[in-house]
Amino acid sequence: MITAEQREELRGWFAGRLPVDVYEELVEVVVDREEITVVGRIPANESVEAFRERTREQRIEVAREAERLYRRKVAWGVRVGEERVLFTHLAVPVMTRLRQSERQVLDLLVAGGVARSRADALAWCVRLVGRNTESWLAELRDSLDRVQRVRAQGPDVTDTPHTPRTPDSDSRKSGPE
């Protein structure tokens, strides 16, 4: 997880690299361990398809540079009014262990036609939790940001004071003399 400061730095990096005519406004830059998603507002009179075609080469150039620098894939999206449209983005497999009662919930969602598979059912559950608990998740994100800031201000644990050697502590000895 990255800090709010690192997120703003990343947002600034993209804002500085994107040509001025790509987006009307850079709306959000979201990052996790695998992917960076960049979303901007496009003019109301431009279609999503026209935007994708018009900006493809520019976005590819910026994405290649970002992927080398940040070692994550870059996905793109647009905001048109209140609608958010993402272009090609990752679907990353996640390993999990579930108890029988939890598997039964997923199987019920599959049997009921809500999802095509257990994986789809699990993704559906995660989206549902995200939608219905956004304020709690936002508070949790803020708390993690505060924890990371405090840790960054703490002592450097790799910088330990030098302990003088005594003849008894000489590691070159291999046993009794």
Protein backbone atom coordinates (compact mmCIF):
# COMPACT_ATOMS: atom_id res chain seq x y z
CA MET A 1 0.00 0.00 0.00
CA ILE A 2 1.30 3.46 -0.81
CA THR A 3 0.89 6.62 1.24
CA ALA A 4 -1.31 9.58 0.32
CA GLU A 5 1.88 11.55 -0.32
CA GLN A 6 3.17 8.88 -2.74
CA ARG A 7 -0.25 8.83 -4.45
CA GLU A 8 -0.09 12.61 -4.95
CA GLU A 9 3.47 12.32 -6.26
CA LEU A 10 2.32 9.68 -8.75
CA ARG A 11 -0.62 11.86 -9.79
CA GLY A 12 1.80 14.76 -10.31
CA TRP A 13 4.07 12.55 -12.42
CA PHE A 14 1.17 11.66 -14.76
CA ALA A 15 -0.10 15.24 -14.84
CA GLY A 16 3.38 16.36 -15.90
CA ARG A 17 3.79 13.67 -18.59
CA LEU A 18 0.38 13.77 -20.25
CA PRO A 19 0.08 16.22 -23.14
CA VAL A 20 -2.29 19.06 -22.30
CA ASP A 21 -4.91 17.97 -24.88
CA VAL A 22 -5.35 14.39 -23.62
CA TYR A 23 -7.79 15.08 -20.77
CA GLU A 24 -9.77 18.17 -19.81
CA GLU A 25 -8.95 17.26 -16.22
CA LEU A 26 -7.03 14.44 -14.53
CA VAL A 27 -9.72 13.02 -12.21
CA GLU A 28 -7.93 10.19 -10.42
CA VAL A 29 -4.83 8.03 -10.33
CA VAL A 30 -5.40 4.74 -8.48
CA VAL A 31 -2.56 2.35 -7.68
CA ASP A 32 -2.13 -1.09 -6.18
CA ARG A 33 0.68 -3.66 -6.29
CA GLU A 34 0.02 -4.64 -9.92
CA GLU A 35 -1.57 -1.71 -11.71
CA ILE A 36 -1.88 2.06 -12.00
CA THR A 37 -5.23 3.30 -13.35
CA VAL A 38 -5.38 6.83 -14.78
CA VAL A 39 -8.82 8.39 -15.29
CA GLY A 40 -9.54 11.80 -16.75
CA ARG A 41 -12.51 13.86 -17.83
CA ILE A 42 -13.09 14.23 -21.56
CA PRO A 43 -15.12 16.91 -23.34
CA ALA A 44 -18.86 16.28 -23.28
CA ASN A 45 -18.98 16.49 -27.08
CA GLU A 46 -16.33 13.74 -27.57
CA SER A 47 -17.22 10.05 -27.57
CA VAL A 48 -15.22 7.54 -25.57
CA GLU A 49 -14.30 5.73 -28.80
CA ALA A 50 -13.07 8.95 -30.45
CA PHE A 51 -11.03 9.80 -27.36
CA ARG A 52 -9.41 6.35 -27.29
CA GLU A 53 -8.42 6.58 -30.94
CA ARG A 54 -7.23 10.22 -30.77
CA THR A 55 -5.02 9.69 -27.69
CA ARG A 56 -3.83 6.09 -28.16
CA GLU A 57 -0.22 6.84 -29.17
CA GLN A 58 0.22 9.49 -26.47
CA ARG A 59 -1.16 7.20 -23.76
CA ILE A 60 0.99 4.27 -24.91
CA GLU A 61 4.13 6.42 -24.74
CA VAL A 62 3.37 7.63 -21.21
CA ALA A 63 2.36 4.12 -20.09
CA ARG A 64 5.64 2.60 -21.30
CA GLU A 65 7.64 5.16 -19.37
CA ALA A 66 5.52 4.66 -16.23
CA GLU A 67 5.71 0.85 -16.48
CA ARG A 68 9.52 1.00 -16.60
CA LEU A 69 9.69 3.47 -13.73
CA TYR A 70 7.01 2.07 -11.40
CA ARG A 71 7.08 -1.61 -12.46
CA ARG A 72 3.29 -1.77 -12.76
CA LYS A 73 0.95 -1.98 -15.71
CA VAL A 74 -0.94 1.20 -16.61
CA ALA A 75 -4.65 1.19 -17.39
CA TRP A 76 -6.62 4.14 -18.72
CA GLY A 77 -10.15 5.36 -18.32
CA VAL A 78 -12.40 8.35 -18.76
CA ARG A 79 -15.09 10.14 -16.84
CA VAL A 80 -18.01 11.32 -18.96
CA GLY A 81 -20.52 13.11 -16.76
CA GLU A 82 -20.95 10.74 -13.82
CA GLU A 83 -20.05 7.64 -15.83
CA ARG A 84 -16.59 6.08 -15.40
CA VAL A 85 -15.39 3.96 -18.35
CA LEU A 86 -12.20 1.91 -18.05
CA PHE A 87 -10.28 0.65 -21.05
CA THR A 88 -8.26 -2.56 -20.98
CA HIS A 89 -7.24 -3.24 -17.38
CA LEU A 90 -5.99 -6.19 -15.37
CA ALA A 91 -8.00 -8.95 -13.77
CA VAL A 92 -5.51 -10.43 -11.34
CA PRO A 93 -5.97 -13.92 -9.84
CA VAL A 94 -6.04 -13.90 -6.05
CA MET A 95 -5.52 -17.04 -4.00
CA THR A 96 -7.82 -17.46 -1.02
CA ARG A 97 -8.90 -20.18 1.38
CA LEU A 98 -12.58 -20.40 2.20
CA ARG A 99 -14.43 -22.54 4.71
CA GLN A 100 -17.39 -24.63 3.58
CA SER A 101 -20.00 -22.09 4.69
CA GLU A 102 -18.22 -19.39 2.66
CA ARG A 103 -17.97 -21.65 -0.40
CA GLN A 104 -21.68 -22.38 -0.09
CA VAL A 105 -22.44 -18.66 -0.40
CA LEU A 106 -20.43 -18.51 -3.63
CA ASP A 107 -22.08 -21.68 -4.94
CA LEU A 108 -25.54 -20.24 -4.20
CA LEU A 109 -24.68 -17.11 -6.21
CA VAL A 110 -23.58 -19.33 -9.10
CA ALA A 111 -26.68 -21.56 -8.87
CA GLY A 112 -28.90 -18.47 -8.71
CA GLY A 113 -27.39 -17.05 -11.89
CA VAL A 114 -25.86 -14.03 -10.14
CA ALA A 115 -22.36 -15.20 -11.15
CA ARG A 116 -20.89 -17.60 -13.71
CA SER A 117 -18.29 -19.09 -11.38
CA ARG A 118 -16.98 -18.96 -7.84
CA ALA A 119 -14.40 -16.41 -8.97
CA ASP A 120 -17.14 -14.17 -10.44
CA ALA A 121 -19.20 -14.63 -7.26
CA LEU A 122 -16.27 -13.60 -5.08
CA ALA A 123 -15.64 -10.53 -7.26
CA TRP A 124 -19.36 -9.67 -7.00
CA CYS A 125 -19.16 -9.90 -3.19
CA VAL A 126 -16.09 -7.66 -3.07
CA ARG A 127 -17.80 -5.04 -5.30
CA LEU A 128 -20.92 -5.18 -3.10
CA VAL A 129 -18.91 -4.67 0.09
CA GLY A 130 -16.98 -1.82 -1.56
CA ARG A 131 -20.19 -0.04 -2.58
CA ASN A 132 -21.96 -0.49 0.73
CA THR A 133 -19.08 0.33 3.07
CA GLU A 134 -17.27 3.10 1.19
CA SER A 135 -17.16 5.49 4.17
CA TRP A 136 -15.69 2.78 6.41
CA LEU A 137 -13.13 1.81 3.75
CA ALA A 138 -12.19 5.50 3.29
CA GLU A 139 -11.63 5.79 7.05
CA LEU A 140 -9.49 2.64 6.98
CA ARG A 141 -7.40 4.05 4.07
CA ASP A 142 -6.87 7.30 6.01
CA SER A 143 -5.79 5.34 9.09
CA LEU A 144 -3.27 3.35 7.05
CA ASP A 145 -1.90 6.59 5.58
CA ARG A 146 -1.38 7.93 9.13
CA VAL A 147 0.36 4.69 10.21
CA GLN A 148 2.71 4.86 7.22
CA ARG A 149 3.57 8.52 7.95
CA VAL A 150 4.37 7.67 11.59
CA ARG A 151 6.52 4.71 10.53
CA ALA A 152 8.41 6.91 8.06
CA GLN A 153 9.21 9.38 10.87
CA GLY A 154 10.47 6.64 13.19
CA PRO A 155 14.03 5.46 13.73
CA ASP A 156 15.88 3.56 11.04
CA VAL A 157 16.00 0.01 12.43
CA THR A 158 18.73 -1.02 9.99
CA ASP A 159 21.09 1.56 11.49
CA THR A 160 22.09 -0.15 14.76
CA PRO A 161 24.87 1.18 16.95
CA HIS A 162 28.22 -0.53 16.56
CA THR A 163 28.93 -3.05 19.33
CA PRO A 164 32.65 -3.35 20.07
CA ARG A 165 34.12 -6.81 19.77
CA THR A 166 35.62 -8.53 22.75
CA PRO A 167 37.87 -11.56 22.53
CA ASP A 168 34.98 -13.72 23.78
CA SER A 169 32.64 -12.44 21.05
CA ASP A 170 35.03 -12.96 18.13
CA SER A 171 33.00 -14.83 15.55
CA ARG A 172 36.13 -16.24 13.92
CA LYS A 173 36.54 -18.72 16.72
CA SER A 174 35.24 -22.11 15.77
CA GLY A 175 35.34 -23.88 19.12
CA PRO A 176 37.41 -24.44 22.26
CA GLU A 177 41.09 -23.71 21.95
